């Protein structure tokens, strides 16, 4: 009987040690999980912010393209034909900047979506939706900037065709 009690006590001691090891492992995993979730939350937030800033850059590029078209028209009106090509090139560069900003917006929105796939928090989902909307705005702005740039280029070509 004493041997049986000793065996039971030894088994209980072994189980207690195993439970202690499992608890320590759980705490380590839980700490790592918490750090990972915080990192994903930060990634989502930063990606959303990057998407919104890139979207704003696209809109500014549209404004720059419009100003370049106005400068092209103004140069034509005042007979400053050497400025026409520079203004048209500015519109082209603004359109390219808008396209690059739209690509950056899409990349940031994609990063936000990946982060959301790894965490199902409402704030991450909202940030990803905001990034997706910013991407849509940036793509529209890039298309508009390209259209405006094409107008400036066409104006410059028509001036050159007239031999001015």
Protein backbone atom coordinates (compact mmCIF):
# COMPACT_ATOMS: atom_id res chain seq x y z
CA UNK A 1 0.00 0.00 0.00
CA UNK A 2 2.84 2.34 0.84
CA UNK A 3 4.38 1.62 -2.57
CA UNK A 4 1.10 2.47 -4.28
CA UNK A 5 0.83 5.77 -2.42
CA UNK A 6 4.45 6.57 -3.30
CA UNK A 7 3.76 5.82 -6.96
CA UNK A 8 0.64 8.00 -6.93
CA UNK A 9 2.57 10.83 -5.28
CA UNK A 10 5.35 10.51 -7.84
CA UNK A 11 2.82 10.60 -10.66
CA UNK A 12 1.12 13.63 -9.11
CA UNK A 13 4.48 15.35 -8.81
CA UNK A 14 5.22 14.60 -12.47
CA UNK A 15 1.78 15.91 -13.49
CA UNK A 16 2.29 19.08 -11.47
CA UNK A 17 5.65 19.65 -13.19
CA UNK A 18 4.06 19.03 -16.60
CA UNK A 19 1.22 21.45 -15.82
CA UNK A 20 3.77 24.06 -14.70
CA UNK A 21 5.70 23.62 -17.98
CA UNK A 22 2.48 23.85 -20.02
CA UNK A 23 1.46 27.03 -18.18
CA UNK A 24 4.88 28.60 -18.82
CA UNK A 25 4.61 27.67 -22.51
CA UNK A 26 1.11 29.11 -22.72
CA UNK A 27 2.24 32.40 -21.15
CA UNK A 28 5.13 32.66 -23.63
CA UNK A 29 2.84 31.97 -26.59
CA UNK A 30 0.24 34.41 -25.27
CA UNK A 31 2.87 37.17 -24.94
CA UNK A 32 4.09 36.53 -28.49
CA UNK A 33 0.51 36.49 -29.79
CA UNK A 34 -0.21 39.82 -28.09
CA UNK A 35 2.91 41.39 -29.62
CA UNK A 36 1.97 40.01 -33.05
CA UNK A 37 -1.57 41.38 -32.84
CA UNK A 38 -0.26 44.79 -31.77
CA UNK A 39 2.18 44.75 -34.70
CA UNK A 40 -0.60 43.83 -37.13
CA UNK A 41 -2.80 46.59 -35.70
CA UNK A 42 0.03 49.09 -36.21
CA UNK A 43 0.69 47.78 -39.72
CA UNK A 44 -2.97 48.17 -40.62
CA UNK A 45 -3.08 51.69 -39.24
CA UNK A 46 0.12 52.76 -41.00
CA UNK A 47 -0.91 51.14 -44.29
CA UNK A 48 -4.24 52.94 -44.14
CA UNK A 49 -2.49 56.24 -43.41
CA UNK A 50 -0.06 55.65 -46.30
CA UNK A 51 -2.97 54.92 -48.62
CA UNK A 52 -4.73 58.12 -47.62
CA UNK A 53 -1.58 60.21 -48.02
CA UNK A 54 -0.87 58.67 -51.43
CA UNK A 55 -4.44 59.40 -52.43
CA UNK A 56 -3.95 63.04 -51.43
CA UNK A 57 -0.74 63.08 -53.49
CA UNK A 58 -2.72 61.83 -56.50
CA UNK A 59 -5.23 64.63 -56.06
CA UNK A 60 -2.41 67.19 -55.79
CA UNK A 61 -0.96 65.76 -59.01
CA UNK A 62 -4.30 66.38 -60.71
CA UNK A 63 -4.14 69.98 -59.52
CA UNK A 64 -0.57 70.26 -60.83
CA UNK A 65 -1.63 68.83 -64.19
CA UNK A 66 -4.50 71.35 -64.39
CA UNK A 67 -2.09 74.17 -63.60
CA UNK A 68 0.29 72.93 -66.28
CA UNK A 69 -2.55 72.93 -68.83
CA UNK A 70 -3.43 76.48 -67.78
CA UNK A 71 0.22 77.45 -68.15
CA UNK A 72 0.26 75.85 -71.61
CA UNK A 73 -2.81 77.83 -72.66
CA UNK A 74 -1.39 81.01 -71.16
CA UNK A 75 1.91 80.52 -72.99
CA UNK A 76 0.02 80.07 -76.26
CA UNK A 77 -2.09 83.20 -75.65
CA UNK A 78 1.00 85.30 -74.97
CA UNK A 79 3.06 83.82 -77.78
CA UNK A 80 5.62 82.27 -75.45
CA UNK A 81 5.86 79.12 -77.50
CA UNK A 82 9.08 77.92 -75.87
CA UNK A 83 7.14 77.56 -72.60
CA UNK A 84 4.45 75.40 -74.21
CA UNK A 85 6.60 72.28 -74.30
CA UNK A 86 7.76 72.79 -70.72
CA UNK A 87 4.22 73.24 -69.47
CA UNK A 88 3.06 70.17 -71.39
CA UNK A 89 5.99 68.19 -69.92
CA UNK A 90 4.95 69.39 -66.46
CA UNK A 91 1.45 68.07 -67.05
CA UNK A 92 2.92 64.77 -68.20
CA UNK A 93 5.13 64.54 -65.10
CA UNK A 94 2.17 65.35 -62.85
CA UNK A 95 0.18 62.57 -64.48
CA UNK A 96 3.06 60.15 -63.95
CA UNK A 97 3.29 61.24 -60.31
CA UNK A 98 -0.44 60.62 -59.92
CA UNK A 99 -0.07 57.14 -61.41
CA UNK A 100 2.82 56.34 -59.06
CA UNK A 101 0.86 57.64 -56.08
CA UNK A 102 -2.09 55.50 -57.15
CA UNK A 103 0.21 52.46 -57.28
CA UNK A 104 1.54 53.30 -53.81
CA UNK A 105 -2.03 53.66 -52.58
CA UNK A 106 -2.94 50.27 -53.99
CA UNK A 107 0.12 48.69 -52.35
CA UNK A 108 -0.75 50.24 -48.98
CA UNK A 109 -4.36 49.13 -49.31
CA UNK A 110 -3.15 45.63 -50.11
CA UNK A 111 -0.92 45.64 -47.02
CA UNK A 112 -3.88 46.74 -44.92
CA UNK A 113 -6.02 43.96 -46.38
CA UNK A 114 -3.33 41.36 -45.61
CA UNK A 115 -3.10 42.60 -42.02
CA UNK A 116 -6.87 42.40 -41.70
CA UNK A 117 -6.77 38.82 -42.95
CA UNK A 118 -4.60 38.02 -39.93
CA UNK A 119 -6.69 39.87 -37.38
CA UNK A 120 -10.42 40.24 -37.27
CA UNK A 121 -10.68 43.48 -35.34
CA UNK A 122 -13.21 46.11 -36.27
CA UNK A 123 -10.61 48.89 -36.27
CA UNK A 124 -8.47 46.94 -38.75
CA UNK A 125 -11.45 46.29 -40.99
CA UNK A 126 -12.34 50.01 -40.96
CA UNK A 127 -8.73 50.97 -41.70
CA UNK A 128 -8.63 48.54 -44.60
CA UNK A 129 -11.89 49.89 -45.98
CA UNK A 130 -10.51 53.42 -45.71
CA UNK A 131 -7.36 52.34 -47.56
CA UNK A 132 -9.45 50.71 -50.29
CA UNK A 133 -11.49 53.89 -50.70
CA UNK A 134 -8.28 55.93 -50.86
CA UNK A 135 -7.02 53.56 -53.54
CA UNK A 136 -10.20 54.13 -55.56
CA UNK A 137 -9.81 57.91 -55.25
CA UNK A 138 -6.14 57.73 -56.25
CA UNK A 139 -6.89 55.62 -59.31
CA UNK A 140 -9.56 58.11 -60.42
CA UNK A 141 -7.20 61.02 -59.81
CA UNK A 142 -4.47 59.33 -61.83
CA UNK A 143 -6.85 58.75 -64.71
CA UNK A 144 -7.94 62.39 -64.58
CA UNK A 145 -4.34 63.62 -64.44
CA UNK A 146 -3.47 61.49 -67.48
CA UNK A 147 -6.46 62.88 -69.37
CA UNK A 148 -5.42 66.43 -68.51
CA UNK A 149 -1.83 65.67 -69.48
CA UNK A 150 -3.02 64.39 -72.83
CA UNK A 151 -4.88 67.67 -73.37
CA UNK A 152 -1.71 69.64 -72.66
CA UNK A 153 0.32 67.42 -74.97
CA UNK A 154 -2.28 67.77 -77.73
CA UNK A 155 -2.22 71.54 -77.36
CA UNK A 156 1.59 71.54 -77.57
CA UNK A 157 1.47 69.28 -80.67
CA UNK A 158 -1.05 71.55 -82.38
CA UNK A 159 1.18 74.56 -81.70
CA UNK A 160 4.18 72.74 -83.17
CA UNK A 161 2.09 71.65 -86.18
CA UNK A 162 1.24 75.28 -86.86
CA UNK A 163 4.96 76.02 -86.89
CA UNK A 164 4.84 78.46 -84.01
